[in-house]
Every structure is written in structure tokens, then in C-alpha cells.
Amino acid sequence: MRSVLLVEDDIFDTMTAEKSFAKFNIPHQLHTAFNGEEALDLLLGRNGTDPLRPLPEVILLDLNMPRMNGIEFLTELRGSAEFADIPVFITTTSDMDVDRLATDTLGVSGYILKPLDFETGDLSDSLSLLEKLLR
């Protein structure tokens, strides 16, 4: 079973992501963090948590979160040799060019605008790429 880390502060978006995996029949183990700090705690084994091992094969990352936002988390992630190559998909309500440019320079694998809508080509393409990564 594949390991996925979802970094998302909205419980409804977390439930939607889970439904997306089910719809596309992607076998997975979903780990969740509600902001970038919690995600780093999971990866590094900080603040009383055991390090998440094996490492997630993909990270789904919201940009707009409290405490440590997605760009700050992604910067930390890419600065670590151990985590630098984990594929990251951005899931966000932000369609601002500045956010897209910032994440592109940090090597994201895909960019999915919320709310999730199965009728849009962008989401289907991103989920298809995600499915290939996890198979």
C-alpha cells in the first residue's frame, strides 16, 4: 500500500481528498497534518511523534494554512536531502500567479485548484498523474 501525506487545514478538503482516492481506486495509506509544522513533525519525528517511515511517496499540500503555510513547508522540505525528491502536488484555492511561480521554482509535480471538481480537465490530469506515481 502506498503512503500519502496530506497537509491540509480544512477537514472538508481532507474528506474530499479521501473520496478522490476512493473514486480512482488508488490503494493508499493517508497520513494527515493540519499545517506545515505538523507535517515536518511527522516527517522528522518531532514533538513526541515517531518519524513517518517509510517516507510518503507523494505529498498533497495546501498553500494557505496557519502557523506554517505551504510555501514555507515546501521550502523546508526541498532544503533537506532526505525529503527533497518527494513529489508534491499543491491543492489550493489560490490562483495567483505569484503562488504558482513560487511553487514551480520549488519543484512541484502538479497544481490543483480547489474546490475539487471531477468535471474539469485539470483535476483529471492531475489525478491521473498522481495515480501513475502511486502505482
N, C-alpha and C. Protein backbone atom coordinates (compact mmCIF):
# COMPACT_ATOMS: atom_id res chain seq x y z
N MET A 1 0.84 -1.18 0.00
CA MET A 1 0.00 0.00 0.00
C MET A 1 0.88 1.24 0.00
N ARG A 2 0.49 2.22 -0.79
CA ARG A 2 1.27 3.44 -0.93
C ARG A 2 0.98 4.42 0.19
N SER A 3 1.97 5.23 0.52
CA SER A 3 1.86 6.20 1.60
C SER A 3 1.72 7.61 1.04
N VAL A 4 0.72 8.34 1.53
CA VAL A 4 0.45 9.70 1.09
C VAL A 4 0.36 10.59 2.32
N LEU A 5 1.00 11.75 2.27
CA LEU A 5 0.88 12.75 3.32
C LEU A 5 0.04 13.90 2.79
N LEU A 6 -1.08 14.16 3.44
CA LEU A 6 -1.95 15.28 3.10
C LEU A 6 -1.74 16.37 4.13
N VAL A 7 -1.31 17.55 3.68
CA VAL A 7 -1.11 18.69 4.56
C VAL A 7 -2.21 19.69 4.23
N GLU A 8 -3.24 19.71 5.08
CA GLU A 8 -4.47 20.45 4.79
C GLU A 8 -5.14 20.85 6.10
N ASP A 9 -5.53 22.13 6.21
CA ASP A 9 -6.16 22.60 7.45
C ASP A 9 -7.67 22.54 7.43
N ASP A 10 -8.27 22.17 6.31
CA ASP A 10 -9.73 22.12 6.19
C ASP A 10 -10.21 20.67 6.20
N ILE A 11 -11.01 20.30 7.19
CA ILE A 11 -11.47 18.92 7.33
C ILE A 11 -12.30 18.48 6.13
N PHE A 12 -13.07 19.39 5.53
CA PHE A 12 -13.88 19.03 4.37
C PHE A 12 -13.00 18.73 3.16
N ASP A 13 -11.92 19.48 2.98
CA ASP A 13 -10.99 19.19 1.89
C ASP A 13 -10.27 17.87 2.14
N THR A 14 -10.01 17.55 3.41
CA THR A 14 -9.40 16.26 3.74
C THR A 14 -10.34 15.13 3.35
N MET A 15 -11.63 15.27 3.66
CA MET A 15 -12.60 14.25 3.30
C MET A 15 -12.74 14.14 1.78
N THR A 16 -12.67 15.27 1.06
CA THR A 16 -12.76 15.26 -0.39
C THR A 16 -11.57 14.53 -1.00
N ALA A 17 -10.39 14.74 -0.44
CA ALA A 17 -9.20 14.04 -0.95
C ALA A 17 -9.36 12.54 -0.78
N GLU A 18 -9.86 12.13 0.39
CA GLU A 18 -10.09 10.70 0.62
C GLU A 18 -11.07 10.13 -0.39
N LYS A 19 -12.14 10.85 -0.67
CA LYS A 19 -13.12 10.40 -1.67
C LYS A 19 -12.50 10.32 -3.06
N SER A 20 -11.59 11.24 -3.37
CA SER A 20 -10.92 11.22 -4.67
C SER A 20 -10.09 9.95 -4.84
N PHE A 21 -9.37 9.56 -3.79
CA PHE A 21 -8.61 8.32 -3.85
C PHE A 21 -9.53 7.13 -4.07
N ALA A 22 -10.66 7.12 -3.37
CA ALA A 22 -11.60 6.02 -3.50
C ALA A 22 -12.19 5.98 -4.91
N LYS A 23 -12.55 7.13 -5.46
CA LYS A 23 -13.15 7.19 -6.80
C LYS A 23 -12.20 6.63 -7.85
N PHE A 24 -10.91 6.90 -7.69
CA PHE A 24 -9.93 6.44 -8.68
C PHE A 24 -9.28 5.11 -8.28
N ASN A 25 -9.83 4.48 -7.22
CA ASN A 25 -9.33 3.17 -6.77
C ASN A 25 -7.82 3.15 -6.56
N ILE A 26 -7.32 4.16 -5.86
CA ILE A 26 -5.89 4.25 -5.58
C ILE A 26 -5.65 3.69 -4.17
N PRO A 27 -5.00 2.52 -4.07
CA PRO A 27 -4.72 1.97 -2.73
C PRO A 27 -3.67 2.85 -2.04
N HIS A 28 -3.95 3.23 -0.79
CA HIS A 28 -3.06 4.19 -0.13
C HIS A 28 -3.25 4.13 1.38
N GLN A 29 -2.27 4.65 2.06
CA GLN A 29 -2.39 4.93 3.49
C GLN A 29 -2.24 6.44 3.62
N LEU A 30 -3.29 7.10 4.08
CA LEU A 30 -3.29 8.55 4.16
C LEU A 30 -2.88 9.00 5.55
N HIS A 31 -1.84 9.84 5.60
CA HIS A 31 -1.39 10.48 6.84
C HIS A 31 -1.77 11.95 6.69
N THR A 32 -2.25 12.58 7.77
CA THR A 32 -2.68 13.97 7.67
C THR A 32 -1.96 14.85 8.68
N ALA A 33 -1.72 16.07 8.25
CA ALA A 33 -1.19 17.13 9.11
C ALA A 33 -2.00 18.38 8.78
N PHE A 34 -2.25 19.22 9.79
CA PHE A 34 -3.11 20.37 9.60
C PHE A 34 -2.36 21.66 9.28
N ASN A 35 -1.04 21.61 9.24
CA ASN A 35 -0.23 22.75 8.80
C ASN A 35 1.19 22.25 8.54
N GLY A 36 2.03 23.13 8.03
CA GLY A 36 3.39 22.74 7.68
C GLY A 36 4.21 22.27 8.87
N GLU A 37 4.02 22.89 10.04
CA GLU A 37 4.78 22.47 11.23
C GLU A 37 4.44 21.04 11.61
N GLU A 38 3.14 20.71 11.60
CA GLU A 38 2.74 19.34 11.92
C GLU A 38 3.29 18.35 10.91
N ALA A 39 3.34 18.73 9.66
CA ALA A 39 3.88 17.85 8.62
C ALA A 39 5.37 17.60 8.85
N LEU A 40 6.11 18.65 9.19
CA LEU A 40 7.53 18.46 9.49
C LEU A 40 7.72 17.62 10.74
N ASP A 41 6.85 17.81 11.73
CA ASP A 41 6.92 16.97 12.93
C ASP A 41 6.76 15.50 12.56
N LEU A 42 5.81 15.20 11.68
CA LEU A 42 5.60 13.82 11.23
C LEU A 42 6.82 13.28 10.49
N LEU A 43 7.36 14.07 9.58
CA LEU A 43 8.49 13.61 8.78
C LEU A 43 9.76 13.44 9.61
N LEU A 44 9.97 14.36 10.55
CA LEU A 44 11.21 14.37 11.33
C LEU A 44 11.10 13.63 12.67
N GLY A 45 9.88 13.31 13.08
CA GLY A 45 9.70 12.66 14.37
C GLY A 45 9.90 13.63 15.53
N ARG A 46 9.36 14.83 15.40
CA ARG A 46 9.49 15.84 16.45
C ARG A 46 8.23 15.90 17.31
N ASN A 47 8.38 16.55 18.45
CA ASN A 47 7.25 16.82 19.36
C ASN A 47 6.47 15.56 19.73
N GLY A 48 7.21 14.51 20.05
CA GLY A 48 6.59 13.30 20.56
C GLY A 48 6.03 12.35 19.52
N THR A 49 6.26 12.63 18.25
CA THR A 49 5.79 11.71 17.21
C THR A 49 6.96 10.88 16.69
N ASP A 50 6.66 9.67 16.27
CA ASP A 50 7.68 8.86 15.60
C ASP A 50 7.79 9.35 14.17
N PRO A 51 9.00 9.30 13.60
CA PRO A 51 9.13 9.74 12.20
C PRO A 51 8.31 8.85 11.27
N LEU A 52 7.68 9.45 10.31
CA LEU A 52 6.86 8.73 9.34
C LEU A 52 7.77 7.94 8.40
N ARG A 53 7.73 6.62 8.56
CA ARG A 53 8.53 5.74 7.73
C ARG A 53 7.69 4.54 7.36
N PRO A 54 7.72 4.07 6.14
CA PRO A 54 8.51 4.67 5.07
C PRO A 54 8.01 6.08 4.76
N LEU A 55 8.88 6.84 4.11
CA LEU A 55 8.51 8.20 3.73
C LEU A 55 7.31 8.16 2.79
N PRO A 56 6.49 9.20 2.81
CA PRO A 56 5.37 9.23 1.87
C PRO A 56 5.89 9.25 0.43
N GLU A 57 5.16 8.60 -0.43
CA GLU A 57 5.55 8.59 -1.84
C GLU A 57 5.08 9.83 -2.57
N VAL A 58 4.14 10.54 -1.96
CA VAL A 58 3.65 11.80 -2.51
C VAL A 58 3.09 12.63 -1.36
N ILE A 59 3.17 13.96 -1.52
CA ILE A 59 2.59 14.89 -0.55
C ILE A 59 1.59 15.76 -1.29
N LEU A 60 0.38 15.85 -0.72
CA LEU A 60 -0.64 16.78 -1.20
C LEU A 60 -0.62 17.96 -0.24
N LEU A 61 -0.37 19.15 -0.76
CA LEU A 61 -0.06 20.30 0.09
C LEU A 61 -0.94 21.50 -0.20
N ASP A 62 -1.67 21.96 0.82
CA ASP A 62 -2.42 23.21 0.73
C ASP A 62 -1.42 24.36 0.90
N LEU A 63 -1.71 25.50 0.30
CA LEU A 63 -0.82 26.66 0.44
C LEU A 63 -1.20 27.54 1.63
N ASN A 64 -2.50 27.80 1.79
CA ASN A 64 -2.95 28.77 2.80
C ASN A 64 -3.35 28.05 4.08
N MET A 65 -2.41 28.00 5.03
CA MET A 65 -2.62 27.34 6.32
C MET A 65 -2.04 28.21 7.43
N PRO A 66 -2.55 28.02 8.65
CA PRO A 66 -1.99 28.76 9.78
C PRO A 66 -0.63 28.18 10.20
N ARG A 67 0.07 28.92 11.01
CA ARG A 67 1.36 28.53 11.63
C ARG A 67 2.50 28.44 10.62
N MET A 68 2.45 27.50 9.69
CA MET A 68 3.45 27.41 8.63
C MET A 68 2.70 27.09 7.34
N ASN A 69 2.74 28.03 6.38
CA ASN A 69 1.98 27.83 5.15
C ASN A 69 2.68 26.84 4.21
N GLY A 70 2.05 26.55 3.11
CA GLY A 70 2.56 25.56 2.18
C GLY A 70 3.90 25.93 1.55
N ILE A 71 4.08 27.18 1.20
CA ILE A 71 5.35 27.60 0.59
C ILE A 71 6.49 27.50 1.60
N GLU A 72 6.24 27.90 2.84
CA GLU A 72 7.26 27.77 3.89
C GLU A 72 7.61 26.29 4.11
N PHE A 73 6.59 25.43 4.16
CA PHE A 73 6.83 24.00 4.32
C PHE A 73 7.62 23.43 3.14
N LEU A 74 7.21 23.80 1.94
CA LEU A 74 7.89 23.29 0.74
C LEU A 74 9.34 23.74 0.69
N THR A 75 9.61 24.95 1.12
CA THR A 75 10.99 25.45 1.17
C THR A 75 11.82 24.60 2.13
N GLU A 76 11.27 24.30 3.31
CA GLU A 76 11.97 23.44 4.28
C GLU A 76 12.17 22.04 3.71
N LEU A 77 11.13 21.51 3.09
CA LEU A 77 11.18 20.16 2.53
C LEU A 77 12.28 20.05 1.48
N ARG A 78 12.31 20.99 0.56
CA ARG A 78 13.29 20.96 -0.54
C ARG A 78 14.71 21.24 -0.05
N GLY A 79 14.83 21.84 1.13
CA GLY A 79 16.15 22.11 1.70
C GLY A 79 16.77 20.91 2.38
N SER A 80 16.02 19.83 2.50
CA SER A 80 16.51 18.62 3.16
C SER A 80 16.79 17.54 2.12
N ALA A 81 17.99 17.02 2.12
CA ALA A 81 18.36 15.97 1.15
C ALA A 81 17.46 14.75 1.29
N GLU A 82 17.04 14.44 2.51
CA GLU A 82 16.21 13.26 2.74
C GLU A 82 14.82 13.38 2.11
N PHE A 83 14.29 14.60 2.05
CA PHE A 83 12.92 14.80 1.58
C PHE A 83 12.80 15.52 0.24
N ALA A 84 13.91 15.96 -0.32
CA ALA A 84 13.90 16.83 -1.49
C ALA A 84 13.24 16.22 -2.72
N ASP A 85 13.27 14.90 -2.84
CA ASP A 85 12.75 14.26 -4.06
C ASP A 85 11.33 13.74 -3.94
N ILE A 86 10.67 13.97 -2.81
CA ILE A 86 9.29 13.51 -2.67
C ILE A 86 8.40 14.36 -3.58
N PRO A 87 7.62 13.74 -4.47
CA PRO A 87 6.71 14.52 -5.32
C PRO A 87 5.66 15.25 -4.48
N VAL A 88 5.41 16.51 -4.83
CA VAL A 88 4.45 17.33 -4.11
C VAL A 88 3.43 17.90 -5.10
N PHE A 89 2.15 17.71 -4.77
CA PHE A 89 1.05 18.31 -5.52
C PHE A 89 0.45 19.39 -4.66
N ILE A 90 0.31 20.60 -5.21
CA ILE A 90 -0.31 21.71 -4.50
C ILE A 90 -1.81 21.62 -4.69
N THR A 91 -2.57 21.70 -3.60
CA THR A 91 -4.03 21.80 -3.65
C THR A 91 -4.41 23.07 -2.92
N THR A 92 -5.00 24.03 -3.63
CA THR A 92 -5.24 25.33 -3.03
C THR A 92 -6.38 26.07 -3.72
N THR A 93 -6.91 27.06 -3.03
CA THR A 93 -7.90 27.95 -3.63
C THR A 93 -7.22 29.11 -4.36
N SER A 94 -5.92 29.26 -4.19
CA SER A 94 -5.20 30.39 -4.77
C SER A 94 -4.88 30.14 -6.24
N ASP A 95 -5.32 31.08 -7.08
CA ASP A 95 -4.98 31.02 -8.50
C ASP A 95 -4.05 32.19 -8.86
N MET A 96 -3.34 32.69 -7.84
CA MET A 96 -2.46 33.84 -8.06
C MET A 96 -1.16 33.39 -8.73
N ASP A 97 -0.74 34.14 -9.72
CA ASP A 97 0.49 33.81 -10.43
C ASP A 97 1.70 33.76 -9.50
N VAL A 98 1.73 34.64 -8.50
CA VAL A 98 2.87 34.67 -7.58
C VAL A 98 2.99 33.35 -6.81
N ASP A 99 1.85 32.76 -6.42
CA ASP A 99 1.88 31.46 -5.73
C ASP A 99 2.35 30.36 -6.67
N ARG A 100 1.84 30.38 -7.88
CA ARG A 100 2.22 29.36 -8.86
C ARG A 100 3.72 29.45 -9.18
N LEU A 101 4.22 30.65 -9.36
CA LEU A 101 5.65 30.83 -9.63
C LEU A 101 6.51 30.37 -8.45
N ALA A 102 6.08 30.72 -7.24
CA ALA A 102 6.84 30.34 -6.04
C ALA A 102 6.91 28.82 -5.92
N THR A 103 5.80 28.14 -6.17
CA THR A 103 5.80 26.69 -6.03
C THR A 103 6.51 26.01 -7.19
N ASP A 104 6.40 26.58 -8.39
CA ASP A 104 7.10 25.99 -9.55
C ASP A 104 8.61 26.00 -9.34
N THR A 105 9.12 27.07 -8.75
CA THR A 105 10.57 27.13 -8.52
C THR A 105 11.02 26.13 -7.45
N LEU A 106 10.06 25.63 -6.67
CA LEU A 106 10.37 24.64 -5.63
C LEU A 106 10.07 23.21 -6.09
N GLY A 107 9.83 23.05 -7.39
CA GLY A 107 9.73 21.72 -7.98
C GLY A 107 8.48 20.93 -7.64
N VAL A 108 7.31 21.54 -7.80
CA VAL A 108 6.08 20.78 -7.57
C VAL A 108 5.75 19.91 -8.77
N SER A 109 5.02 18.83 -8.52
CA SER A 109 4.64 17.89 -9.58
C SER A 109 3.31 18.23 -10.22
N GLY A 110 2.48 19.02 -9.55
CA GLY A 110 1.18 19.39 -10.07
C GLY A 110 0.54 20.45 -9.22
N TYR A 111 -0.49 21.10 -9.78
CA TYR A 111 -1.15 22.22 -9.12
C TYR A 111 -2.64 22.04 -9.32
N ILE A 112 -3.40 21.79 -8.26
CA ILE A 112 -4.82 21.51 -8.34
C ILE A 112 -5.59 22.61 -7.61
N LEU A 113 -6.47 23.31 -8.34
CA LEU A 113 -7.27 24.36 -7.72
C LEU A 113 -8.50 23.76 -7.04
N LYS A 114 -8.79 24.24 -5.83
CA LYS A 114 -9.98 23.83 -5.11
C LYS A 114 -11.08 24.85 -5.39
N PRO A 115 -12.33 24.51 -5.29
CA PRO A 115 -12.80 23.21 -4.83
C PRO A 115 -12.58 22.14 -5.88
N LEU A 116 -12.37 20.94 -5.42
CA LEU A 116 -12.16 19.82 -6.33
C LEU A 116 -13.42 19.58 -7.14
N ASP A 117 -13.25 19.43 -8.45
CA ASP A 117 -14.37 19.23 -9.36
C ASP A 117 -13.97 18.19 -10.38
N PHE A 118 -14.61 17.05 -10.36
CA PHE A 118 -14.22 15.94 -11.23
C PHE A 118 -14.51 16.20 -12.71
N GLU A 119 -15.21 17.26 -13.02
CA GLU A 119 -15.55 17.55 -14.41
C GLU A 119 -14.46 18.35 -15.12
N THR A 120 -13.54 18.92 -14.39
CA THR A 120 -12.52 19.76 -15.02
C THR A 120 -11.36 18.92 -15.52
N GLY A 121 -10.80 19.30 -16.65
CA GLY A 121 -9.66 18.58 -17.21
C GLY A 121 -8.43 18.67 -16.33
N ASP A 122 -8.21 19.83 -15.69
CA ASP A 122 -7.02 20.00 -14.87
C ASP A 122 -6.98 18.98 -13.74
N LEU A 123 -8.12 18.78 -13.07
CA LEU A 123 -8.17 17.84 -11.96
C LEU A 123 -7.95 16.42 -12.47
N SER A 124 -8.61 16.05 -13.56
CA SER A 124 -8.44 14.70 -14.10
C SER A 124 -7.00 14.44 -14.48
N ASP A 125 -6.37 15.41 -15.12
CA ASP A 125 -4.96 15.26 -15.49
C ASP A 125 -4.08 15.10 -14.26
N SER A 126 -4.31 15.93 -13.25
CA SER A 126 -3.50 15.87 -12.03
C SER A 126 -3.72 14.56 -11.29
N LEU A 127 -4.97 14.12 -11.18
CA LEU A 127 -5.23 12.85 -10.51
C LEU A 127 -4.69 11.68 -11.30
N SER A 128 -4.71 11.77 -12.62
CA SER A 128 -4.12 10.71 -13.44
C SER A 128 -2.62 10.62 -13.19
N LEU A 129 -1.96 11.77 -13.14
CA LEU A 129 -0.52 11.78 -12.85
C LEU A 129 -0.27 11.25 -11.44
N LEU A 130 -1.07 11.66 -10.49
CA LEU A 130 -0.94 11.17 -9.12
C LEU A 130 -1.13 9.65 -9.09
N GLU A 131 -2.12 9.16 -9.81
CA GLU A 131 -2.38 7.71 -9.85
C GLU A 131 -1.15 6.97 -10.41
N LYS A 132 -0.54 7.51 -11.45
CA LYS A 132 0.66 6.87 -12.03
C LYS A 132 1.81 6.84 -11.01
N LEU A 133 1.96 7.92 -10.27
CA LEU A 133 3.02 7.98 -9.26
C LEU A 133 2.83 6.93 -8.18
N LEU A 134 1.57 6.64 -7.86
CA LEU A 134 1.27 5.75 -6.75
C LEU A 134 1.12 4.28 -7.17
N ARG A 135 1.22 3.98 -8.42
CA ARG A 135 1.07 2.58 -8.86
C ARG A 135 2.41 1.89 -8.96
